[in-house]
PDB file of N, CA and C in Angstrom:
ATOM      1  N   MET A   1     -44.902 -11.910 -38.306  1.00  0.00           N
ATOM      2  CA  MET A   1     -43.961 -11.103 -37.560  1.00  0.00           C
ATOM      3  C   MET A   1     -42.945 -12.032 -36.907  1.00  0.00           C
ATOM      4  N   LEU A   2     -41.690 -11.688 -37.039  1.00  0.00           N
ATOM      5  CA  LEU A   2     -40.639 -12.474 -36.412  1.00  0.00           C
ATOM      6  C   LEU A   2     -40.407 -11.992 -34.990  1.00  0.00           C
ATOM      7  N   PRO A   3     -40.090 -12.912 -34.079  1.00  0.00           N
ATOM      8  CA  PRO A   3     -39.819 -12.495 -32.699  1.00  0.00           C
ATOM      9  C   PRO A   3     -38.658 -11.505 -32.661  1.00  0.00           C
ATOM     10  N   GLY A   4     -38.795 -10.476 -31.871  1.00  0.00           N
ATOM     11  CA  GLY A   4     -37.734  -9.491 -31.714  1.00  0.00           C
ATOM     12  C   GLY A   4     -37.774  -8.365 -32.728  1.00  0.00           C
ATOM     13  N   LEU A   5     -38.663  -8.447 -33.717  1.00  0.00           N
ATOM     14  CA  LEU A   5     -38.803  -7.354 -34.683  1.00  0.00           C
ATOM     15  C   LEU A   5     -40.095  -6.607 -34.391  1.00  0.00           C
ATOM     16  N   PRO A   6     -40.026  -5.294 -34.205  1.00  0.00           N
ATOM     17  CA  PRO A   6     -41.239  -4.522 -33.904  1.00  0.00           C
ATOM     18  C   PRO A   6     -42.120  -4.386 -35.137  1.00  0.00           C
ATOM     19  N   PRO A   7     -43.403  -4.045 -34.950  1.00  0.00           N
ATOM     20  CA  PRO A   7     -44.244  -3.741 -36.110  1.00  0.00           C
ATOM     21  C   PRO A   7     -43.559  -2.653 -36.928  1.00  0.00           C
ATOM     22  N   ALA A   8     -43.501  -2.832 -38.230  1.00  0.00           N
ATOM     23  CA  ALA A   8     -42.579  -2.019 -39.004  1.00  0.00           C
ATOM     24  C   ALA A   8     -43.203  -1.077 -40.022  1.00  0.00           C
ATOM     25  N   PHE A   9     -44.468  -1.178 -40.314  1.00  0.00           N
ATOM     26  CA  PHE A   9     -45.038  -0.379 -41.400  1.00  0.00           C
ATOM     27  C   PHE A   9     -44.886   1.120 -41.169  1.00  0.00           C
ATOM     28  N   ASP A  10     -44.921   1.572 -39.919  1.00  0.00           N
ATOM     29  CA  ASP A  10     -44.794   3.001 -39.630  1.00  0.00           C
ATOM     30  C   ASP A  10     -43.345   3.450 -39.519  1.00  0.00           C
ATOM     31  N   ARG A  11     -42.411   2.532 -39.663  1.00  0.00           N
ATOM     32  CA  ARG A  11     -41.004   2.863 -39.450  1.00  0.00           C
ATOM     33  C   ARG A  11     -40.173   2.876 -40.723  1.00  0.00           C
ATOM     34  N   VAL A  12     -40.784   2.628 -41.852  1.00  0.00           N
ATOM     35  CA  VAL A  12     -40.043   2.575 -43.109  1.00  0.00           C
ATOM     36  C   VAL A  12     -39.658   3.990 -43.530  1.00  0.00           C
ATOM     37  N   TRP A  13     -38.349   4.244 -43.614  1.00  0.00           N
ATOM     38  CA  TRP A  13     -37.805   5.543 -43.981  1.00  0.00           C
ATOM     39  C   TRP A  13     -37.928   5.693 -45.495  1.00  0.00           C
ATOM     40  N   HIS A  14     -38.558   6.743 -45.982  1.00  0.00           N
ATOM     41  CA  HIS A  14     -38.857   6.904 -47.404  1.00  0.00           C
ATOM     42  C   HIS A  14     -37.608   6.871 -48.281  1.00  0.00           C
ATOM     43  N   GLU A  15     -36.597   7.678 -47.970  1.00  0.00           N
ATOM     44  CA  GLU A  15     -35.389   7.696 -48.801  1.00  0.00           C
ATOM     45  C   GLU A  15     -34.648   6.369 -48.727  1.00  0.00           C
ATOM     46  N   GLY A  16     -34.626   5.761 -47.554  1.00  0.00           N
ATOM     47  CA  GLY A  16     -33.981   4.459 -47.405  1.00  0.00           C
ATOM     48  C   GLY A  16     -34.669   3.399 -48.238  1.00  0.00           C
ATOM     49  N   ARG A  17     -35.980   3.471 -48.314  1.00  0.00           N
ATOM     50  CA  ARG A  17     -36.732   2.508 -49.120  1.00  0.00           C
ATOM     51  C   ARG A  17     -36.345   2.637 -50.589  1.00  0.00           C
ATOM     52  N   ILE A  18     -36.212   3.858 -51.088  1.00  0.00           N
ATOM     53  CA  ILE A  18     -35.826   4.067 -52.485  1.00  0.00           C
ATOM     54  C   ILE A  18     -34.430   3.501 -52.730  1.00  0.00           C
ATOM     55  N   ASN A  19     -33.522   3.690 -51.776  1.00  0.00           N
ATOM     56  CA  ASN A  19     -32.179   3.116 -51.906  1.00  0.00           C
ATOM     57  C   ASN A  19     -32.243   1.595 -51.988  1.00  0.00           C
ATOM     58  N   LYS A  20     -33.054   0.977 -51.147  1.00  0.00           N
ATOM     59  CA  LYS A  20     -33.197  -0.483 -51.154  1.00  0.00           C
ATOM     60  C   LYS A  20     -33.787  -0.967 -52.477  1.00  0.00           C
ATOM     61  N   LEU A  21     -34.771  -0.254 -52.999  1.00  0.00           N
ATOM     62  CA  LEU A  21     -35.377  -0.639 -54.275  1.00  0.00           C
ATOM     63  C   LEU A  21     -34.382  -0.497 -55.421  1.00  0.00           C
ATOM     64  N   THR A  22     -33.527   0.523 -55.354  1.00  0.00           N
ATOM     65  CA  THR A  22     -32.475   0.693 -56.357  1.00  0.00           C
ATOM     66  C   THR A  22     -31.515  -0.486 -56.302  1.00  0.00           C
ATOM     67  N   GLU A  23     -31.083  -0.847 -55.091  1.00  0.00           N
ATOM     68  CA  GLU A  23     -30.182  -1.991 -54.909  1.00  0.00           C
ATOM     69  C   GLU A  23     -30.812  -3.287 -55.412  1.00  0.00           C
ATOM     70  N   ALA A  24     -32.121  -3.405 -55.276  1.00  0.00           N
ATOM     71  CA  ALA A  24     -32.822  -4.617 -55.708  1.00  0.00           C
ATOM     72  C   ALA A  24     -32.998  -4.669 -57.227  1.00  0.00           C
ATOM     73  N   GLY A  25     -32.646  -3.570 -57.921  1.00  0.00           N
ATOM     74  CA  GLY A  25     -32.720  -3.553 -59.375  1.00  0.00           C
ATOM     75  C   GLY A  25     -34.085  -3.202 -59.939  1.00  0.00           C
ATOM     76  N   LEU A  26     -34.868  -2.457 -59.185  1.00  0.00           N
ATOM     77  CA  LEU A  26     -36.195  -2.057 -59.664  1.00  0.00           C
ATOM     78  C   LEU A  26     -36.066  -1.207 -60.923  1.00  0.00           C
ATOM     79  N   ASP A  27     -36.921  -1.441 -61.885  1.00  0.00           N
ATOM     80  CA  ASP A  27     -36.986  -0.697 -63.136  1.00  0.00           C
ATOM     81  C   ASP A  27     -37.088   0.806 -62.835  1.00  0.00           C
ATOM     82  N   ASN A  28     -36.386   1.638 -63.622  1.00  0.00           N
ATOM     83  CA  ASN A  28     -36.340   3.087 -63.367  1.00  0.00           C
ATOM     84  C   ASN A  28     -37.711   3.736 -63.321  1.00  0.00           C
ATOM     85  N   SER A  29     -38.618   3.354 -64.214  1.00  0.00           N
ATOM     86  CA  SER A  29     -39.942   3.985 -64.204  1.00  0.00           C
ATOM     87  C   SER A  29     -40.709   3.616 -62.933  1.00  0.00           C
ATOM     88  N   MET A  30     -40.585   2.374 -62.487  1.00  0.00           N
ATOM     89  CA  MET A  30     -41.237   1.964 -61.235  1.00  0.00           C
ATOM     90  C   MET A  30     -40.603   2.675 -60.044  1.00  0.00           C
ATOM     91  N   LEU A  31     -39.289   2.833 -60.098  1.00  0.00           N
ATOM     92  CA  LEU A  31     -38.576   3.524 -59.028  1.00  0.00           C
ATOM     93  C   LEU A  31     -39.046   4.970 -58.922  1.00  0.00           C
ATOM     94  N   LEU A  32     -39.153   5.655 -60.055  1.00  0.00           N
ATOM     95  CA  LEU A  32     -39.614   7.047 -60.060  1.00  0.00           C
ATOM     96  C   LEU A  32     -41.061   7.161 -59.593  1.00  0.00           C
ATOM     97  N   ASN A  33     -41.912   6.243 -60.028  1.00  0.00           N
ATOM     98  CA  ASN A  33     -43.316   6.261 -59.595  1.00  0.00           C
ATOM     99  C   ASN A  33     -43.442   6.024 -58.097  1.00  0.00           C
ATOM    100  N   THR A  34     -42.659   5.100 -57.576  1.00  0.00           N
ATOM    101  CA  THR A  34     -42.693   4.817 -56.138  1.00  0.00           C
ATOM    102  C   THR A  34     -42.190   6.017 -55.346  1.00  0.00           C
ATOM    103  N   ALA A  35     -41.107   6.624 -55.820  1.00  0.00           N
ATOM    104  CA  ALA A  35     -40.569   7.808 -55.142  1.00  0.00           C
ATOM    105  C   ALA A  35     -41.601   8.934 -55.138  1.00  0.00           C
ATOM    106  N   GLU A  36     -42.284   9.131 -56.259  1.00  0.00           N
ATOM    107  CA  GLU A  36     -43.289  10.194 -56.361  1.00  0.00           C
ATOM    108  C   GLU A  36     -44.478   9.935 -55.439  1.00  0.00           C
ATOM    109  N   LEU A  37     -44.846   8.669 -55.302  1.00  0.00           N
ATOM    110  CA  LEU A  37     -45.967   8.293 -54.441  1.00  0.00           C
ATOM    111  C   LEU A  37     -45.739   8.742 -52.995  1.00  0.00           C
ATOM    112  N   TYR A  38     -44.471   8.755 -52.569  1.00  0.00           N
ATOM    113  CA  TYR A  38     -44.156   9.092 -51.181  1.00  0.00           C
ATOM    114  C   TYR A  38     -43.478  10.453 -51.025  1.00  0.00           C
ATOM    115  N   ARG A  39     -43.451  11.260 -52.075  1.00  0.00           N
ATOM    116  CA  ARG A  39     -42.815  12.578 -51.996  1.00  0.00           C
ATOM    117  C   ARG A  39     -43.774  13.586 -51.356  1.00  0.00           C
ATOM    118  N   ASN A  40     -43.278  14.364 -50.419  1.00  0.00           N
ATOM    119  CA  ASN A  40     -44.033  15.461 -49.791  1.00  0.00           C
ATOM    120  C   ASN A  40     -45.363  15.033 -49.174  1.00  0.00           C
ATOM    121  N   ILE A  41     -45.376  13.913 -48.491  1.00  0.00           N
ATOM    122  CA  ILE A  41     -46.590  13.463 -47.800  1.00  0.00           C
ATOM    123  C   ILE A  41     -46.765  14.293 -46.532  1.00  0.00           C
ATOM    124  N   THR A  42     -47.976  14.756 -46.310  1.00  0.00           N
ATOM    125  CA  THR A  42     -48.275  15.448 -45.059  1.00  0.00           C
ATOM    126  C   THR A  42     -49.430  14.743 -44.362  1.00  0.00           C
ATOM    127  N   ASN A  43     -49.416  14.818 -43.060  1.00  0.00           N
ATOM    128  CA  ASN A  43     -50.472  14.252 -42.226  1.00  0.00           C
ATOM    129  C   ASN A  43     -50.984  15.328 -41.285  1.00  0.00           C
ATOM    130  N   CYS A  44     -52.157  15.109 -40.759  1.00  0.00           N
ATOM    131  CA  CYS A  44     -52.645  15.950 -39.679  1.00  0.00           C
ATOM    132  C   CYS A  44     -53.473  15.070 -38.753  1.00  0.00           C
ATOM    133  N   VAL A  45     -53.654  15.539 -37.557  1.00  0.00           N
ATOM    134  CA  VAL A  45     -54.392  14.783 -36.545  1.00  0.00           C
ATOM    135  C   VAL A  45     -55.738  15.450 -36.318  1.00  0.00           C
ATOM    136  N   LYS A  46     -56.786  14.644 -36.339  1.00  0.00           N
ATOM    137  CA  LYS A  46     -58.119  15.132 -36.009  1.00  0.00           C
ATOM    138  C   LYS A  46     -58.555  14.400 -34.750  1.00  0.00           C
ATOM    139  N   TYR A  47     -58.882  15.170 -33.711  1.00  0.00           N
ATOM    140  CA  TYR A  47     -59.264  14.581 -32.432  1.00  0.00           C
ATOM    141  C   TYR A  47     -60.373  15.412 -31.815  1.00  0.00           C
ATOM    142  N   LYS A  48     -61.475  14.763 -31.526  1.00  0.00           N
ATOM    143  CA  LYS A  48     -62.640  15.427 -30.928  1.00  0.00           C
ATOM    144  C   LYS A  48     -63.049  16.675 -31.706  1.00  0.00           C
ATOM    145  N   GLY A  49     -63.041  16.543 -33.027  1.00  0.00           N
ATOM    146  CA  GLY A  49     -63.486  17.632 -33.885  1.00  0.00           C
ATOM    147  C   GLY A  49     -62.442  18.702 -34.156  1.00  0.00           C
ATOM    148  N   LEU A  50     -61.306  18.653 -33.483  1.00  0.00           N
ATOM    149  CA  LEU A  50     -60.238  19.626 -33.715  1.00  0.00           C
ATOM    150  C   LEU A  50     -59.221  19.042 -34.683  1.00  0.00           C
ATOM    151  N   ILE A  51     -58.726  19.867 -35.588  1.00  0.00           N
ATOM    152  CA  ILE A  51     -57.718  19.425 -36.545  1.00  0.00           C
ATOM    153  C   ILE A  51     -56.429  20.190 -36.280  1.00  0.00           C
ATOM    154  N   TRP A  52     -55.374  19.428 -36.015  1.00  0.00           N
ATOM    155  CA  TRP A  52     -54.073  20.024 -35.759  1.00  0.00           C
ATOM    156  C   TRP A  52     -53.401  20.397 -37.074  1.00  0.00           C
ATOM    157  N   GLU A  53     -52.386  21.249 -36.983  1.00  0.00           N
ATOM    158  CA  GLU A  53     -51.634  21.687 -38.156  1.00  0.00           C
ATOM    159  C   GLU A  53     -50.966  20.484 -38.835  1.00  0.00           C
ATOM    160  N   ALA A  54     -50.946  20.489 -40.156  1.00  0.00           N
ATOM    161  CA  ALA A  54     -50.330  19.404 -40.922  1.00  0.00           C
ATOM    162  C   ALA A  54     -48.820  19.375 -40.680  1.00  0.00           C
ATOM    163  N   PHE A  55     -48.260  18.177 -40.738  1.00  0.00           N
ATOM    164  CA  PHE A  55     -46.816  18.006 -40.592  1.00  0.00           C
ATOM    165  C   PHE A  55     -46.328  17.040 -41.666  1.00  0.00           C
ATOM    166  N   GLN A  56     -45.053  17.188 -42.033  1.00  0.00           N
ATOM    167  CA  GLN A  56     -44.487  16.336 -43.079  1.00  0.00           C
ATOM    168  C   GLN A  56     -44.170  14.956 -42.522  1.00  0.00           C
ATOM    169  N   ASN A  57     -44.460  13.948 -43.316  1.00  0.00           N
ATOM    170  CA  ASN A  57     -44.224  12.562 -42.933  1.00  0.00           C
ATOM    171  C   ASN A  57     -43.072  12.025 -43.771  1.00  0.00           C
ATOM    172  N   LYS A  58     -41.976  11.606 -43.113  1.00  0.00           N
ATOM    173  CA  LYS A  58     -40.803  11.115 -43.833  1.00  0.00           C
ATOM    174  C   LYS A  58     -40.574   9.622 -43.638  1.00  0.00           C
ATOM    175  N   GLN A  59     -41.515   8.960 -43.006  1.00  0.00           N
ATOM    176  CA  GLN A  59     -41.375   7.515 -42.834  1.00  0.00           C
ATOM    177  C   GLN A  59     -42.741   6.865 -42.790  1.00  0.00           C
ATOM    178  N   GLY A  60     -42.748   5.561 -42.977  1.00  0.00           N
ATOM    179  CA  GLY A  60     -43.989   4.800 -42.945  1.00  0.00           C
ATOM    180  C   GLY A  60     -44.510   4.491 -44.334  1.00  0.00           C
ATOM    181  N   THR A  61     -45.390   3.523 -44.398  1.00  0.00           N
ATOM    182  CA  THR A  61     -46.054   3.190 -45.653  1.00  0.00           C
ATOM    183  C   THR A  61     -47.519   3.582 -45.522  1.00  0.00           C
ATOM    184  N   ARG A  62     -48.170   3.716 -46.652  1.00  0.00           N
ATOM    185  CA  ARG A  62     -49.574   4.133 -46.646  1.00  0.00           C
ATOM    186  C   ARG A  62     -50.436   3.051 -46.014  1.00  0.00           C
ATOM    187  N   GLN A  63     -51.249   3.428 -45.050  1.00  0.00           N
ATOM    188  CA  GLN A  63     -52.122   2.461 -44.384  1.00  0.00           C
ATOM    189  C   GLN A  63     -53.140   1.928 -45.376  1.00  0.00           C
ATOM    190  N   GLY A  64     -53.179   0.614 -45.518  1.00  0.00           N
ATOM    191  CA  GLY A  64     -54.114  -0.016 -46.432  1.00  0.00           C
ATOM    192  C   GLY A  64     -53.681   0.006 -47.887  1.00  0.00           C
ATOM    193  N   GLY A  65     -52.502   0.562 -48.162  1.00  0.00           N
ATOM    194  CA  GLY A  65     -52.019   0.619 -49.540  1.00  0.00           C
ATOM    195  C   GLY A  65     -51.661  -0.762 -50.065  1.00  0.00           C
ATOM    196  N   LYS A  66     -52.000  -1.024 -51.314  1.00  0.00           N
ATOM    197  CA  LYS A  66     -51.724  -2.339 -51.898  1.00  0.00           C
ATOM    198  C   LYS A  66     -50.229  -2.612 -52.021  1.00  0.00           C
ATOM    199  N   THR A  67     -49.418  -1.575 -52.162  1.00  0.00           N
ATOM    200  CA  THR A  67     -47.972  -1.766 -52.280  1.00  0.00           C
ATOM    201  C   THR A  67     -47.267  -1.775 -50.928  1.00  0.00           C
ATOM    202  N   SER A  68     -47.951  -1.392 -49.871  1.00  0.00           N
ATOM    203  CA  SER A  68     -47.310  -1.250 -48.560  1.00  0.00           C
ATOM    204  C   SER A  68     -46.629  -2.519 -48.055  1.00  0.00           C
ATOM    205  N   PRO A  69     -47.257  -3.699 -48.124  1.00  0.00           N
ATOM    206  CA  PRO A  69     -46.567  -4.901 -47.634  1.00  0.00           C
ATOM    207  C   PRO A  69     -45.273  -5.198 -48.396  1.00  0.00           C
ATOM    208  N   ILE A  70     -45.294  -5.015 -49.714  1.00  0.00           N
ATOM    209  CA  ILE A  70     -44.096  -5.282 -50.517  1.00  0.00           C
ATOM    210  C   ILE A  70     -43.008  -4.268 -50.203  1.00  0.00           C
ATOM    211  N   LEU A  71     -43.381  -2.991 -50.107  1.00  0.00           N
ATOM    212  CA  LEU A  71     -42.397  -1.958 -49.791  1.00  0.00           C
ATOM    213  C   LEU A  71     -41.814  -2.168 -48.399  1.00  0.00           C
ATOM    214  N   ASN A  72     -42.643  -2.590 -47.469  1.00  0.00           N
ATOM    215  CA  ASN A  72     -42.185  -2.865 -46.115  1.00  0.00           C
ATOM    216  C   ASN A  72     -41.177  -4.014 -46.113  1.00  0.00           C
ATOM    217  N   LEU A  73     -41.508  -5.100 -46.784  1.00  0.00           N
ATOM    218  CA  LEU A  73     -40.605  -6.252 -46.827  1.00  0.00           C
ATOM    219  C   LEU A  73     -39.300  -5.926 -47.534  1.00  0.00           C
ATOM    220  N   THR A  74     -39.372  -5.148 -48.606  1.00  0.00           N
ATOM    221  CA  THR A  74     -38.158  -4.764 -49.322  1.00  0.00           C
ATOM    222  C   THR A  74     -37.225  -3.985 -48.405  1.00  0.00           C
ATOM    223  N   PHE A  75     -37.788  -3.067 -47.643  1.00  0.00           N
ATOM    224  CA  PHE A  75     -36.971  -2.250 -46.751  1.00  0.00           C
ATOM    225  C   PHE A  75     -36.374  -3.077 -45.619  1.00  0.00           C
ATOM    226  N   HIS A  76     -37.147  -3.999 -45.065  1.00  0.00           N
ATOM    227  CA  HIS A  76     -36.709  -4.755 -43.889  1.00  0.00           C
ATOM    228  C   HIS A  76     -36.103  -6.117 -44.206  1.00  0.00           C
ATOM    229  N   ASN A  77     -35.977  -6.460 -45.482  1.00  0.00           N
ATOM    230  CA  ASN A  77     -35.498  -7.773 -45.875  1.00  0.00           C
ATOM    231  C   ASN A  77     -34.147  -8.118 -45.251  1.00  0.00           C
ATOM    232  N   ASP A  78     -33.192  -7.182 -45.276  1.00  0.00           N
ATOM    233  CA  ASP A  78     -31.870  -7.443 -44.700  1.00  0.00           C
ATOM    234  C   ASP A  78     -31.960  -7.704 -43.203  1.00  0.00           C
ATOM    235  N   LEU A  79     -32.794  -6.941 -42.507  1.00  0.00           N
ATOM    236  CA  LEU A  79     -32.957  -7.150 -41.067  1.00  0.00           C
ATOM    237  C   LEU A  79     -33.565  -8.515 -40.772  1.00  0.00           C
ATOM    238  N   ILE A  80     -34.529  -8.908 -41.595  1.00  0.00           N
ATOM    239  CA  ILE A  80     -35.178 -10.205 -41.399  1.00  0.00           C
ATOM    240  C   ILE A  80     -34.179 -11.330 -41.632  1.00  0.00           C
ATOM    241  N   LYS A  81     -33.394 -11.236 -42.709  1.00  0.00           N
ATOM    242  CA  LYS A  81     -32.380 -12.259 -42.992  1.00  0.00           C
ATOM    243  C   LYS A  81     -31.385 -12.366 -41.844  1.00  0.00           C
ATOM    244  N   GLU A  82     -30.916 -11.220 -41.361  1.00  0.00           N
ATOM    245  CA  GLU A  82     -29.953 -11.211 -40.262  1.00  0.00           C
ATOM    246  C   GLU A  82     -30.557 -11.821 -39.003  1.00  0.00           C
ATOM    247  N   ARG A  83     -31.792 -11.495 -38.727  1.00  0.00           N
ATOM    248  CA  ARG A  83     -32.469 -12.021 -37.532  1.00  0.00           C
ATOM    249  C   ARG A  83     -32.621 -13.539 -37.624  1.00  0.00           C
ATOM    250  N   ILE A  84     -32.960 -14.044 -38.798  1.00  0.00           N
ATOM    251  CA  ILE A  84     -33.120 -15.489 -38.981  1.00  0.00           C
ATOM    252  C   ILE A  84     -31.782 -16.197 -38.783  1.00  0.00           C
ATOM    253  N   LEU A  85     -30.703 -15.604 -39.286  1.00  0.00           N
ATOM    254  CA  LEU A  85     -29.386 -16.226 -39.154  1.00  0.00           C
ATOM    255  C   LEU A  85     -28.926 -16.333 -37.710  1.00  0.00           C
ATOM    256  N   TYR A  86     -29.322 -15.388 -36.873  1.00  0.00           N
ATOM    257  CA  TYR A  86     -28.814 -15.346 -35.503  1.00  0.00           C
ATOM    258  C   TYR A  86     -29.808 -15.810 -34.457  1.00  0.00           C
ATOM    259  N   VAL A  87     -30.938 -16.371 -34.871  1.00  0.00           N
ATOM    260  CA  VAL A  87     -31.918 -16.877 -33.900  1.00  0.00           C
ATOM    261  C   VAL A  87     -31.602 -18.313 -33.595  1.00  0.00           C
TER     262      VAL A  87
END
């Protein structure tokens, strides 16, 4: 983690990530598979045996997902480069 950058895995915007992957030249089939992996994700909260109504999730990477670190870095790469230049 770089100083001044917050933990980022929960902040990755799904559509923005696809745009970044397109800019990076990701193969079309990989791009479509990645987009599908994050399409229409819903979450719900379970607390003390109660389950709240599901809600749509439009940001973040899958916790523990093997692709999550790479997707996170791809999305935040420009911010990291900019931060390094100005530190």
